[in-house]
């Protein structure tokens, strides 16, 4: 996982650094169990916007024993996406606050859409499909997608932090091997049913224009 630790809450950083499964406890009997060796987590939390999840203070941690220590739940990358997107939303940045506003964005790989919150899957699919065709200036993407700037820039930053996109100062020149020699990003193999037909239609249109 390439996500910057600066966007991870301290409790998650600690839980992922331990060599054994751990349960992180929050108010109201809420918890997150982390299985770092298997890259999975389990939780009874429904609302990832809870202030305590982003608190700089360390939440209580306990080691899981016996049956509780068996890997279960969902891929840990899904938890990282949920927490990252909530963190970016809480920052309430304006478009001019993003350093890549007038830079070129290139897709390196697709995120696993099934690990994303359902409400952003369609927008993320449209953004990645557009960038899979060719790099684009970040400032043009909201216009091309007909989506709010704040939403598109937040998705770009999230993709960048997860290592799915590359941001360059200018468009690649013919002899610029840093961009031009990279293979085109491929669509993910497994896509959530809610967005699979949308991606298929977009992908077919993009391929027909080549």
N, C-alpha and C. Protein backbone atom coordinates (compact mmCIF):
# COMPACT_ATOMS: atom_id res chain seq x y z
N UNK A 1 0.85 -1.18 0.00
CA UNK A 1 0.00 0.00 0.00
C UNK A 1 0.89 1.24 0.00
N UNK A 2 0.63 2.16 -0.94
CA UNK A 2 1.49 3.33 -1.06
C UNK A 2 0.93 4.56 -0.37
N UNK A 3 -0.18 4.41 0.30
CA UNK A 3 -0.82 5.55 0.95
C UNK A 3 0.10 6.22 1.95
N UNK A 4 0.20 7.55 1.86
CA UNK A 4 1.04 8.30 2.78
C UNK A 4 0.55 8.15 4.20
N UNK A 5 1.48 7.90 5.11
CA UNK A 5 1.11 7.73 6.52
C UNK A 5 0.51 9.00 7.12
N UNK A 6 0.79 10.15 6.51
CA UNK A 6 0.27 11.41 7.03
C UNK A 6 -1.25 11.47 6.96
N UNK A 7 -1.85 10.64 6.11
CA UNK A 7 -3.31 10.63 5.98
C UNK A 7 -3.93 9.46 6.76
N UNK A 8 -3.12 8.66 7.41
CA UNK A 8 -3.63 7.57 8.22
C UNK A 8 -3.75 8.01 9.66
N UNK A 9 -4.86 7.70 10.34
CA UNK A 9 -4.94 8.01 11.77
C UNK A 9 -3.90 7.20 12.54
N UNK A 10 -3.49 7.72 13.68
CA UNK A 10 -2.40 7.09 14.43
C UNK A 10 -2.76 5.67 14.86
N UNK A 11 -4.03 5.42 15.16
CA UNK A 11 -4.41 4.08 15.60
C UNK A 11 -4.22 3.05 14.49
N UNK A 12 -4.49 3.46 13.23
CA UNK A 12 -4.32 2.54 12.12
C UNK A 12 -2.84 2.31 11.82
N UNK A 13 -2.04 3.37 11.89
CA UNK A 13 -0.60 3.21 11.71
C UNK A 13 -0.04 2.22 12.73
N UNK A 14 -0.47 2.36 13.98
CA UNK A 14 0.03 1.48 15.03
C UNK A 14 -0.43 0.04 14.80
N UNK A 15 -1.71 -0.13 14.50
CA UNK A 15 -2.26 -1.48 14.31
C UNK A 15 -1.60 -2.20 13.14
N UNK A 16 -1.28 -1.45 12.07
CA UNK A 16 -0.65 -2.06 10.90
C UNK A 16 0.82 -2.37 11.13
N UNK A 17 1.43 -1.73 12.12
CA UNK A 17 2.85 -1.96 12.38
C UNK A 17 3.09 -3.14 13.32
N UNK A 18 2.04 -3.62 13.97
CA UNK A 18 2.19 -4.71 14.92
C UNK A 18 2.22 -6.06 14.20
N UNK A 19 2.93 -7.04 14.76
CA UNK A 19 3.06 -8.34 14.10
C UNK A 19 1.89 -9.29 14.39
N UNK A 20 0.87 -8.81 15.10
CA UNK A 20 -0.23 -9.69 15.47
C UNK A 20 -1.56 -8.95 15.27
N UNK A 21 -2.68 -9.67 15.13
CA UNK A 21 -3.99 -9.04 14.98
C UNK A 21 -4.34 -8.18 16.20
N UNK A 22 -4.98 -7.06 15.93
CA UNK A 22 -5.28 -6.10 16.99
C UNK A 22 -6.70 -5.56 16.84
N UNK A 23 -7.35 -5.31 17.95
CA UNK A 23 -8.66 -4.65 17.94
C UNK A 23 -8.51 -3.24 18.50
N UNK A 24 -9.00 -2.27 17.74
CA UNK A 24 -8.98 -0.87 18.17
C UNK A 24 -10.38 -0.50 18.63
N UNK A 25 -10.51 -0.01 19.85
CA UNK A 25 -11.81 0.24 20.46
C UNK A 25 -12.15 1.73 20.46
N UNK A 26 -13.40 2.03 20.14
CA UNK A 26 -13.89 3.40 20.13
C UNK A 26 -15.15 3.49 21.00
N UNK A 27 -15.62 4.71 21.20
CA UNK A 27 -16.80 4.93 22.04
C UNK A 27 -18.01 4.22 21.45
N UNK A 28 -18.95 3.86 22.34
CA UNK A 28 -20.18 3.22 21.88
C UNK A 28 -19.99 1.79 21.44
N UNK A 29 -18.99 1.11 21.99
CA UNK A 29 -18.71 -0.30 21.67
C UNK A 29 -18.33 -0.52 20.21
N UNK A 30 -17.90 0.54 19.54
CA UNK A 30 -17.45 0.39 18.16
C UNK A 30 -16.01 -0.09 18.14
N UNK A 31 -15.67 -0.82 17.09
CA UNK A 31 -14.31 -1.36 17.02
C UNK A 31 -13.89 -1.58 15.58
N UNK A 32 -12.57 -1.67 15.40
CA UNK A 32 -11.97 -2.08 14.14
C UNK A 32 -10.91 -3.12 14.47
N UNK A 33 -11.05 -4.32 13.94
CA UNK A 33 -10.04 -5.36 14.11
C UNK A 33 -9.15 -5.39 12.87
N UNK A 34 -7.85 -5.33 13.07
CA UNK A 34 -6.89 -5.26 11.97
C UNK A 34 -6.03 -6.52 11.96
N UNK A 35 -5.95 -7.16 10.78
CA UNK A 35 -5.13 -8.35 10.59
C UNK A 35 -4.03 -8.00 9.59
N UNK A 36 -2.93 -7.39 10.07
CA UNK A 36 -1.92 -6.83 9.16
C UNK A 36 -1.23 -7.86 8.26
N UNK A 37 -0.99 -9.06 8.79
CA UNK A 37 -0.29 -10.07 7.99
C UNK A 37 -1.12 -10.56 6.81
N UNK A 38 -2.44 -10.45 6.92
CA UNK A 38 -3.32 -10.92 5.86
C UNK A 38 -3.98 -9.78 5.11
N UNK A 39 -3.69 -8.54 5.50
CA UNK A 39 -4.24 -7.39 4.80
C UNK A 39 -5.75 -7.30 4.86
N UNK A 40 -6.33 -7.61 6.02
CA UNK A 40 -7.78 -7.58 6.16
C UNK A 40 -8.17 -6.85 7.45
N UNK A 41 -9.45 -6.49 7.53
CA UNK A 41 -9.99 -5.85 8.73
C UNK A 41 -11.44 -6.26 8.92
N UNK A 42 -11.92 -6.09 10.13
CA UNK A 42 -13.31 -6.35 10.46
C UNK A 42 -13.78 -5.22 11.37
N UNK A 43 -15.03 -4.80 11.22
CA UNK A 43 -15.51 -3.66 12.01
C UNK A 43 -17.03 -3.67 12.10
N UNK A 44 -17.55 -3.07 13.17
CA UNK A 44 -18.99 -2.87 13.29
C UNK A 44 -19.36 -1.41 13.09
N UNK A 45 -18.44 -0.62 12.54
CA UNK A 45 -18.68 0.81 12.30
C UNK A 45 -19.35 1.00 10.94
N UNK A 46 -20.41 1.77 10.94
CA UNK A 46 -21.13 2.08 9.70
C UNK A 46 -20.82 3.48 9.20
N UNK A 47 -20.60 4.40 10.13
CA UNK A 47 -20.35 5.80 9.77
C UNK A 47 -18.86 6.11 9.92
N UNK A 48 -18.14 6.17 8.79
CA UNK A 48 -16.70 6.42 8.83
C UNK A 48 -16.37 7.90 9.00
N UNK A 49 -17.39 8.73 9.19
CA UNK A 49 -17.16 10.15 9.44
C UNK A 49 -17.09 10.46 10.94
N UNK A 50 -17.08 9.45 11.77
CA UNK A 50 -17.00 9.68 13.21
C UNK A 50 -15.73 10.45 13.55
N UNK A 51 -15.84 11.54 14.33
CA UNK A 51 -14.65 12.34 14.68
C UNK A 51 -13.56 11.54 15.37
N UNK A 52 -13.93 10.55 16.17
CA UNK A 52 -12.93 9.78 16.91
C UNK A 52 -12.02 8.99 15.98
N UNK A 53 -12.47 8.67 14.77
CA UNK A 53 -11.65 7.90 13.84
C UNK A 53 -10.47 8.71 13.32
N UNK A 54 -10.64 10.03 13.26
CA UNK A 54 -9.58 10.91 12.76
C UNK A 54 -8.84 11.62 13.87
N UNK A 55 -9.14 11.27 15.12
CA UNK A 55 -8.50 11.95 16.24
C UNK A 55 -7.00 11.68 16.26
N UNK A 56 -6.19 12.72 16.58
CA UNK A 56 -4.74 12.51 16.67
C UNK A 56 -4.33 11.71 17.89
N UNK A 57 -5.26 11.48 18.82
CA UNK A 57 -4.95 10.71 20.02
C UNK A 57 -5.05 9.21 19.73
N UNK A 58 -4.25 8.44 20.41
CA UNK A 58 -4.22 7.00 20.22
C UNK A 58 -5.44 6.35 20.88
N UNK A 59 -6.19 5.58 20.10
CA UNK A 59 -7.31 4.83 20.66
C UNK A 59 -6.80 3.56 21.33
N UNK A 60 -7.54 3.02 22.30
CA UNK A 60 -7.10 1.80 23.00
C UNK A 60 -6.98 0.61 22.04
N UNK A 61 -5.88 -0.13 22.14
CA UNK A 61 -5.62 -1.31 21.33
C UNK A 61 -5.51 -2.54 22.22
N UNK A 62 -6.09 -3.65 21.77
CA UNK A 62 -5.96 -4.92 22.48
C UNK A 62 -5.62 -6.01 21.47
N UNK A 63 -4.79 -6.95 21.89
CA UNK A 63 -4.41 -8.06 21.02
C UNK A 63 -5.55 -9.08 20.95
N UNK A 64 -5.80 -9.59 19.75
CA UNK A 64 -6.83 -10.61 19.58
C UNK A 64 -6.24 -11.98 19.90
N UNK A 65 -7.05 -12.82 20.50
CA UNK A 65 -6.60 -14.14 20.91
C UNK A 65 -7.50 -15.22 20.33
N UNK A 66 -6.93 -16.40 20.16
CA UNK A 66 -7.65 -17.62 19.77
C UNK A 66 -8.50 -17.40 18.52
N UNK A 67 -9.82 -17.69 18.62
CA UNK A 67 -10.69 -17.62 17.45
C UNK A 67 -10.79 -16.20 16.88
N UNK A 68 -10.70 -15.19 17.76
CA UNK A 68 -10.81 -13.81 17.29
C UNK A 68 -9.64 -13.43 16.39
N UNK A 69 -8.52 -14.11 16.55
CA UNK A 69 -7.32 -13.76 15.79
C UNK A 69 -7.31 -14.34 14.38
N UNK A 70 -8.31 -15.15 14.03
CA UNK A 70 -8.38 -15.70 12.69
C UNK A 70 -8.75 -14.60 11.69
N UNK A 71 -8.03 -14.51 10.57
CA UNK A 71 -8.32 -13.45 9.58
C UNK A 71 -9.76 -13.51 9.11
N UNK A 72 -10.39 -12.37 9.06
CA UNK A 72 -11.78 -12.28 8.63
C UNK A 72 -12.04 -10.88 8.11
N UNK A 73 -13.27 -10.66 7.66
CA UNK A 73 -13.66 -9.32 7.22
C UNK A 73 -13.30 -9.03 5.77
N UNK A 74 -12.91 -7.80 5.51
CA UNK A 74 -12.71 -7.29 4.16
C UNK A 74 -11.26 -6.85 3.96
N UNK A 75 -10.87 -6.64 2.67
CA UNK A 75 -9.51 -6.17 2.40
C UNK A 75 -9.21 -4.85 3.10
N UNK A 76 -8.03 -4.75 3.67
CA UNK A 76 -7.63 -3.56 4.43
C UNK A 76 -7.60 -2.31 3.56
N UNK A 77 -7.36 -2.48 2.26
CA UNK A 77 -7.31 -1.32 1.38
C UNK A 77 -8.65 -0.58 1.36
N UNK A 78 -9.75 -1.30 1.56
CA UNK A 78 -11.06 -0.65 1.61
C UNK A 78 -11.18 0.28 2.79
N UNK A 79 -10.65 -0.13 3.95
CA UNK A 79 -10.64 0.73 5.13
C UNK A 79 -9.81 1.97 4.88
N UNK A 80 -8.64 1.80 4.24
CA UNK A 80 -7.77 2.95 3.95
C UNK A 80 -8.47 3.93 3.02
N UNK A 81 -9.19 3.43 2.02
CA UNK A 81 -9.93 4.32 1.12
C UNK A 81 -11.01 5.11 1.89
N UNK A 82 -11.77 4.42 2.72
CA UNK A 82 -12.83 5.09 3.48
C UNK A 82 -12.27 6.20 4.36
N UNK A 83 -11.21 5.89 5.10
CA UNK A 83 -10.63 6.88 6.00
C UNK A 83 -9.99 8.03 5.24
N UNK A 84 -9.33 7.72 4.13
CA UNK A 84 -8.68 8.77 3.34
C UNK A 84 -9.71 9.73 2.77
N UNK A 85 -10.78 9.21 2.18
CA UNK A 85 -11.80 10.07 1.57
C UNK A 85 -12.49 10.93 2.63
N UNK A 86 -12.74 10.36 3.80
CA UNK A 86 -13.33 11.15 4.87
C UNK A 86 -12.38 12.26 5.31
N UNK A 87 -11.09 11.96 5.37
CA UNK A 87 -10.10 12.96 5.76
C UNK A 87 -10.05 14.09 4.74
N UNK A 88 -10.05 13.76 3.47
CA UNK A 88 -10.00 14.78 2.42
C UNK A 88 -11.26 15.64 2.42
N UNK A 89 -12.40 15.02 2.68
CA UNK A 89 -13.64 15.80 2.75
C UNK A 89 -13.62 16.76 3.93
N UNK A 90 -13.07 16.33 5.04
CA UNK A 90 -13.01 17.18 6.24
C UNK A 90 -12.10 18.38 6.03
N UNK A 91 -11.11 18.26 5.16
CA UNK A 91 -10.20 19.39 4.90
C UNK A 91 -10.91 20.53 4.17
N UNK A 92 -11.99 20.19 3.42
CA UNK A 92 -12.80 21.21 2.71
C UNK A 92 -11.92 22.15 1.88
N UNK A 93 -11.06 21.58 1.09
CA UNK A 93 -10.19 22.38 0.24
C UNK A 93 -10.94 22.98 -0.94
N UNK A 94 -10.49 24.14 -1.35
CA UNK A 94 -10.98 24.78 -2.56
C UNK A 94 -10.08 24.35 -3.73
N UNK A 95 -10.60 24.41 -4.97
CA UNK A 95 -9.78 23.98 -6.12
C UNK A 95 -8.40 24.63 -6.17
N UNK A 96 -8.33 25.92 -5.81
CA UNK A 96 -7.03 26.61 -5.88
C UNK A 96 -6.05 26.14 -4.81
N UNK A 97 -6.54 25.35 -3.84
CA UNK A 97 -5.66 24.85 -2.79
C UNK A 97 -4.87 23.62 -3.21
N UNK A 98 -5.24 23.01 -4.33
CA UNK A 98 -4.55 21.80 -4.78
C UNK A 98 -3.35 22.17 -5.63
N UNK A 99 -2.16 21.67 -5.32
CA UNK A 99 -0.95 22.06 -6.05
C UNK A 99 -0.91 21.55 -7.48
N UNK A 100 -1.76 20.58 -7.82
CA UNK A 100 -1.73 20.00 -9.16
C UNK A 100 -2.80 20.59 -10.09
N UNK A 101 -3.42 21.68 -9.69
CA UNK A 101 -4.54 22.23 -10.45
C UNK A 101 -4.21 22.43 -11.93
N UNK A 102 -3.00 22.90 -12.23
CA UNK A 102 -2.63 23.18 -13.62
C UNK A 102 -1.54 22.23 -14.12
N UNK A 103 -1.49 21.04 -13.52
CA UNK A 103 -0.52 20.04 -13.96
C UNK A 103 -1.23 18.93 -14.74
N UNK A 104 -0.43 18.07 -15.35
CA UNK A 104 -0.95 17.00 -16.20
C UNK A 104 -1.07 15.72 -15.37
N UNK A 105 -2.20 15.05 -15.51
CA UNK A 105 -2.50 13.85 -14.75
C UNK A 105 -2.52 12.65 -15.70
N UNK A 106 -1.81 11.59 -15.33
CA UNK A 106 -1.78 10.37 -16.12
C UNK A 106 -2.15 9.17 -15.25
N UNK A 107 -3.03 8.32 -15.75
CA UNK A 107 -3.43 7.13 -15.01
C UNK A 107 -2.38 6.03 -15.17
N UNK A 108 -1.91 5.49 -14.04
CA UNK A 108 -0.95 4.40 -14.05
C UNK A 108 -1.63 3.05 -13.85
N UNK A 109 -2.67 3.03 -13.05
CA UNK A 109 -3.41 1.80 -12.80
C UNK A 109 -4.79 2.14 -12.26
N UNK A 110 -5.72 1.23 -12.45
CA UNK A 110 -7.06 1.42 -11.92
C UNK A 110 -7.10 1.00 -10.45
N UNK A 111 -7.84 1.74 -9.63
CA UNK A 111 -8.10 1.24 -8.28
C UNK A 111 -9.13 0.12 -8.36
N UNK A 112 -9.19 -0.68 -7.33
CA UNK A 112 -10.23 -1.70 -7.27
C UNK A 112 -11.53 -1.02 -6.84
N UNK A 113 -12.44 -0.86 -7.78
CA UNK A 113 -13.65 -0.08 -7.51
C UNK A 113 -14.52 -0.72 -6.44
N UNK A 114 -14.43 -2.02 -6.28
CA UNK A 114 -15.25 -2.68 -5.27
C UNK A 114 -14.83 -2.31 -3.85
N UNK A 115 -13.63 -1.73 -3.69
CA UNK A 115 -13.15 -1.33 -2.37
C UNK A 115 -13.53 0.11 -2.05
N UNK A 116 -14.14 0.81 -2.99
CA UNK A 116 -14.49 2.21 -2.79
C UNK A 116 -15.91 2.33 -2.25
N UNK A 117 -16.22 3.42 -1.55
CA UNK A 117 -17.60 3.66 -1.13
C UNK A 117 -18.52 3.69 -2.35
N UNK A 118 -19.67 3.05 -2.29
CA UNK A 118 -20.57 2.97 -3.47
C UNK A 118 -20.92 4.32 -4.06
N UNK A 119 -21.01 5.36 -3.23
CA UNK A 119 -21.46 6.66 -3.73
C UNK A 119 -20.44 7.32 -4.64
N UNK A 120 -19.17 6.93 -4.59
CA UNK A 120 -18.18 7.57 -5.46
C UNK A 120 -17.73 6.65 -6.59
N UNK A 121 -18.21 5.42 -6.63
CA UNK A 121 -17.78 4.48 -7.67
C UNK A 121 -18.05 4.99 -9.09
N UNK A 122 -19.27 5.51 -9.38
CA UNK A 122 -19.51 5.99 -10.75
C UNK A 122 -18.58 7.13 -11.15
N UNK A 123 -18.38 8.11 -10.27
CA UNK A 123 -17.49 9.24 -10.58
C UNK A 123 -16.06 8.78 -10.77
N UNK A 124 -15.60 7.88 -9.91
CA UNK A 124 -14.24 7.36 -10.03
C UNK A 124 -14.07 6.58 -11.33
N UNK A 125 -15.09 5.80 -11.70
CA UNK A 125 -15.01 5.03 -12.94
C UNK A 125 -14.93 5.96 -14.15
N UNK A 126 -15.70 7.02 -14.16
CA UNK A 126 -15.67 7.97 -15.28
C UNK A 126 -14.32 8.67 -15.36
N UNK A 127 -13.78 9.07 -14.21
CA UNK A 127 -12.49 9.75 -14.18
C UNK A 127 -11.38 8.83 -14.70
N UNK A 128 -11.35 7.60 -14.23
CA UNK A 128 -10.29 6.67 -14.64
C UNK A 128 -10.42 6.30 -16.11
N UNK A 129 -11.65 6.13 -16.59
CA UNK A 129 -11.85 5.79 -18.00
C UNK A 129 -11.37 6.92 -18.90
N UNK A 130 -11.61 8.16 -18.48
CA UNK A 130 -11.16 9.30 -19.27
C UNK A 130 -9.64 9.37 -19.29
N UNK A 131 -9.01 9.20 -18.14
CA UNK A 131 -7.55 9.27 -18.06
C UNK A 131 -6.89 8.06 -18.71
N UNK A 132 -7.60 6.93 -18.80
CA UNK A 132 -7.04 5.75 -19.44
C UNK A 132 -6.85 5.97 -20.93
N UNK A 133 -7.64 6.88 -21.50
CA UNK A 133 -7.49 7.18 -22.92
C UNK A 133 -6.24 8.00 -23.18
N UNK A 134 -6.03 9.05 -22.39
CA UNK A 134 -4.84 9.87 -22.53
C UNK A 134 -4.72 10.78 -21.31
N UNK A 135 -3.50 11.26 -21.02
CA UNK A 135 -3.32 12.20 -19.90
C UNK A 135 -4.09 13.49 -20.17
N UNK A 136 -4.39 14.21 -19.10
CA UNK A 136 -5.15 15.44 -19.24
C UNK A 136 -4.72 16.43 -18.16
N UNK A 137 -4.88 17.70 -18.45
CA UNK A 137 -4.64 18.73 -17.44
C UNK A 137 -5.72 18.61 -16.37
N UNK A 138 -5.31 18.66 -15.12
CA UNK A 138 -6.24 18.48 -14.02
C UNK A 138 -7.37 19.51 -14.08
N UNK A 139 -7.05 20.72 -14.49
CA UNK A 139 -8.06 21.78 -14.51
C UNK A 139 -9.17 21.53 -15.54
N UNK A 140 -8.89 20.68 -16.55
CA UNK A 140 -9.89 20.39 -17.58
C UNK A 140 -10.82 19.24 -17.20
N UNK A 141 -10.40 18.41 -16.29
CA UNK A 141 -11.17 17.21 -15.98
C UNK A 141 -12.57 17.49 -15.45
N UNK A 142 -12.78 18.47 -14.55
CA UNK A 142 -14.16 18.75 -14.11
C UNK A 142 -15.06 19.15 -15.26
N UNK A 143 -14.52 19.89 -16.25
CA UNK A 143 -15.32 20.30 -17.41
C UNK A 143 -15.66 19.10 -18.29
N UNK A 144 -14.69 18.24 -18.51
CA UNK A 144 -14.91 17.08 -19.36
C UNK A 144 -15.88 16.09 -18.72
N UNK A 145 -15.85 15.98 -17.42
CA UNK A 145 -16.70 15.04 -16.71
C UNK A 145 -18.02 15.64 -16.26
N UNK A 146 -18.12 16.97 -16.34
CA UNK A 146 -19.31 17.68 -15.85
C UNK A 146 -19.58 17.35 -14.38
N UNK A 147 -18.50 17.43 -13.60
CA UNK A 147 -18.57 17.19 -12.16
C UNK A 147 -17.97 18.38 -11.42
N UNK A 148 -18.35 18.59 -10.16
CA UNK A 148 -17.77 19.70 -9.38
C UNK A 148 -16.26 19.59 -9.26
N UNK A 149 -15.58 20.73 -9.33
CA UNK A 149 -14.13 20.74 -9.21
C UNK A 149 -13.66 20.12 -7.90
N UNK A 150 -14.33 20.46 -6.82
CA UNK A 150 -13.91 19.96 -5.52
C UNK A 150 -13.95 18.44 -5.46
N UNK A 151 -14.96 17.84 -6.08
CA UNK A 151 -15.07 16.39 -6.08
C UNK A 151 -13.98 15.74 -6.94
N UNK A 152 -13.77 16.27 -8.13
CA UNK A 152 -12.78 15.70 -9.04
C UNK A 152 -11.38 15.82 -8.45
N UNK A 153 -11.04 16.98 -7.90
CA UNK A 153 -9.70 17.17 -7.33
C UNK A 153 -9.47 16.29 -6.10
N UNK A 154 -10.52 16.07 -5.33
CA UNK A 154 -10.39 15.18 -4.18
C UNK A 154 -10.09 13.75 -4.66
N UNK A 155 -10.78 13.31 -5.72
CA UNK A 155 -10.54 11.97 -6.26
C UNK A 155 -9.13 11.86 -6.84
N UNK A 156 -8.67 12.93 -7.50
CA UNK A 156 -7.31 12.92 -8.05
C UNK A 156 -6.28 12.77 -6.94
N UNK A 157 -6.46 13.53 -5.87
CA UNK A 157 -5.50 13.45 -4.76
C UNK A 157 -5.53 12.06 -4.12
N UNK A 158 -6.71 11.50 -3.97
CA UNK A 158 -6.81 10.16 -3.40
C UNK A 158 -6.12 9.13 -4.28
N UNK A 159 -6.32 9.22 -5.59
CA UNK A 159 -5.66 8.31 -6.52
C UNK A 159 -4.14 8.48 -6.47
N UNK A 160 -3.70 9.72 -6.35
CA UNK A 160 -2.26 9.99 -6.29
C UNK A 160 -1.65 9.40 -5.02
N UNK A 161 -2.32 9.56 -3.89
CA UNK A 161 -1.81 9.04 -2.63
C UNK A 161 -1.76 7.51 -2.62
N UNK A 162 -2.64 6.90 -3.40
CA UNK A 162 -2.64 5.44 -3.49
C UNK A 162 -1.74 4.94 -4.62
N UNK A 163 -1.07 5.85 -5.33
CA UNK A 163 -0.13 5.45 -6.36
C UNK A 163 -0.75 5.05 -7.69
N UNK A 164 -2.00 5.45 -7.94
CA UNK A 164 -2.67 5.07 -9.18
C UNK A 164 -2.47 6.07 -10.32
N UNK A 165 -2.02 7.28 -10.01
CA UNK A 165 -1.81 8.27 -11.05
C UNK A 165 -0.46 8.94 -10.87
N UNK A 166 0.01 9.53 -11.97
CA UNK A 166 1.25 10.32 -11.98
C UNK A 166 0.89 11.75 -12.33
N UNK A 167 1.51 12.69 -11.64
CA UNK A 167 1.26 14.11 -11.89
C UNK A 167 2.54 14.74 -12.38
N UNK A 168 2.48 15.40 -13.55
CA UNK A 168 3.65 16.03 -14.16
C UNK A 168 3.38 17.51 -14.38
N UNK A 169 4.46 18.29 -14.47
CA UNK A 169 4.31 19.73 -14.66
C UNK A 169 3.74 20.07 -16.02
N UNK A 170 4.14 19.32 -17.06
CA UNK A 170 3.67 19.57 -18.43
C UNK A 170 3.35 18.26 -19.10
N UNK A 171 2.73 18.36 -20.28
CA UNK A 171 2.44 17.16 -21.05
C UNK A 171 3.73 16.53 -21.53
N UNK A 172 3.71 15.21 -21.70
CA UNK A 172 4.92 14.50 -22.12
C UNK A 172 5.30 14.86 -23.54
N UNK A 173 6.59 15.09 -23.79
CA UNK A 173 7.11 15.31 -25.12
C UNK A 173 7.47 13.97 -25.74
N UNK A 174 7.69 13.90 -27.07
CA UNK A 174 8.00 12.63 -27.71
C UNK A 174 9.20 11.91 -27.11
N UNK A 175 10.22 12.66 -26.62
CA UNK A 175 11.39 12.03 -26.04
C UNK A 175 11.35 11.94 -24.53
N UNK A 176 10.18 12.20 -23.95
CA UNK A 176 10.03 12.15 -22.49
C UNK A 176 9.66 10.73 -22.10
N UNK A 177 10.65 9.92 -21.71
CA UNK A 177 10.41 8.52 -21.42
C UNK A 177 9.65 8.33 -20.11
N UNK A 178 9.64 9.34 -19.26
CA UNK A 178 8.98 9.19 -17.96
C UNK A 178 7.48 8.98 -18.11
N UNK A 179 6.91 9.50 -19.21
CA UNK A 179 5.48 9.33 -19.42
C UNK A 179 5.17 8.50 -20.65
N UNK A 180 5.82 8.83 -21.77
CA UNK A 180 5.44 8.23 -23.04
C UNK A 180 5.72 6.74 -23.12
N UNK A 181 6.70 6.24 -22.39
CA UNK A 181 7.06 4.83 -22.48
C UNK A 181 6.26 3.95 -21.53
N UNK A 182 5.47 4.56 -20.70
CA UNK A 182 4.70 3.76 -19.75
C UNK A 182 3.53 3.10 -20.46
N UNK A 183 3.20 1.85 -20.13
CA UNK A 183 2.05 1.19 -20.75
C UNK A 183 0.75 1.83 -20.30
N UNK A 184 -0.26 1.71 -21.16
CA UNK A 184 -1.56 2.26 -20.82
C UNK A 184 -2.16 1.48 -19.66
N UNK A 185 -2.81 2.19 -18.76
CA UNK A 185 -3.45 1.53 -17.62
C UNK A 185 -4.57 0.64 -18.12
N UNK A 186 -4.71 -0.51 -17.49
CA UNK A 186 -5.73 -1.46 -17.86
C UNK A 186 -6.91 -1.35 -16.91
N UNK A 187 -8.09 -1.65 -17.43
CA UNK A 187 -9.28 -1.65 -16.60
C UNK A 187 -9.20 -2.78 -15.59
N UNK A 188 -9.76 -2.61 -14.40
CA UNK A 188 -9.71 -3.66 -13.38
C UNK A 188 -10.48 -4.88 -13.82
N UNK A 189 -10.06 -6.06 -13.30
CA UNK A 189 -10.73 -7.30 -13.67
C UNK A 189 -12.08 -7.43 -12.97
N UNK A 190 -12.11 -7.04 -11.70
CA UNK A 190 -13.35 -7.17 -10.94
C UNK A 190 -13.93 -5.81 -10.67
N UNK A 191 -15.17 -5.58 -11.11
CA UNK A 191 -15.81 -4.28 -10.97
C UNK A 191 -17.18 -4.48 -10.32
N UNK A 192 -17.53 -3.59 -9.43
CA UNK A 192 -18.81 -3.69 -8.74
C UNK A 192 -19.94 -3.69 -9.76
N UNK A 193 -21.00 -4.52 -9.54
CA UNK A 193 -22.11 -4.58 -10.49
C UNK A 193 -22.74 -3.23 -10.76
N UNK A 194 -22.76 -2.34 -9.76
CA UNK A 194 -23.41 -1.05 -9.94
C UNK A 194 -22.74 -0.18 -10.99
N UNK A 195 -21.47 -0.42 -11.26
CA UNK A 195 -20.76 0.44 -12.20
C UNK A 195 -20.21 -0.31 -13.39
N UNK A 196 -20.40 -1.65 -13.45
CA UNK A 196 -19.79 -2.44 -14.52
C UNK A 196 -20.32 -2.03 -15.89
N UNK A 197 -21.64 -1.83 -16.01
CA UNK A 197 -22.19 -1.46 -17.30
C UNK A 197 -21.75 -0.07 -17.72
N UNK A 198 -21.61 0.84 -16.74
CA UNK A 198 -21.14 2.19 -17.04
C UNK A 198 -19.72 2.15 -17.60
N UNK A 199 -18.84 1.39 -16.95
CA UNK A 199 -17.45 1.31 -17.41
C UNK A 199 -17.38 0.66 -18.78
N UNK A 200 -18.19 -0.39 -18.99
CA UNK A 200 -18.17 -1.08 -20.28
C UNK A 200 -18.53 -0.12 -21.41
N UNK A 201 -19.56 0.70 -21.19
CA UNK A 201 -19.97 1.65 -22.22
C UNK A 201 -18.90 2.70 -22.47
N UNK A 202 -18.32 3.23 -21.39
CA UNK A 202 -17.28 4.24 -21.53
C UNK A 202 -16.07 3.66 -22.23
N UNK A 203 -15.67 2.47 -21.79
CA UNK A 203 -14.48 1.84 -22.37
C UNK A 203 -14.66 1.57 -23.86
N UNK A 204 -15.85 1.12 -24.25
CA UNK A 204 -16.12 0.84 -25.67
C UNK A 204 -16.05 2.11 -26.50
N UNK A 205 -16.57 3.21 -25.96
CA UNK A 205 -16.52 4.48 -26.69
C UNK A 205 -15.11 4.98 -26.85
N UNK A 206 -14.32 4.86 -25.77
CA UNK A 206 -12.95 5.32 -25.84
C UNK A 206 -12.12 4.52 -26.84
N UNK A 207 -12.32 3.18 -26.83
CA UNK A 207 -11.58 2.33 -27.76
C UNK A 207 -11.95 2.60 -29.21
N UNK A 208 -13.24 2.94 -29.44
CA UNK A 208 -13.67 3.19 -30.82
C UNK A 208 -13.11 4.48 -31.39
N UNK A 209 -12.64 5.37 -30.52
CA UNK A 209 -12.10 6.65 -30.99
C UNK A 209 -10.61 6.57 -31.30
N UNK A 210 -9.95 5.47 -30.95
CA UNK A 210 -8.51 5.36 -31.20
C UNK A 210 -8.23 5.15 -32.68
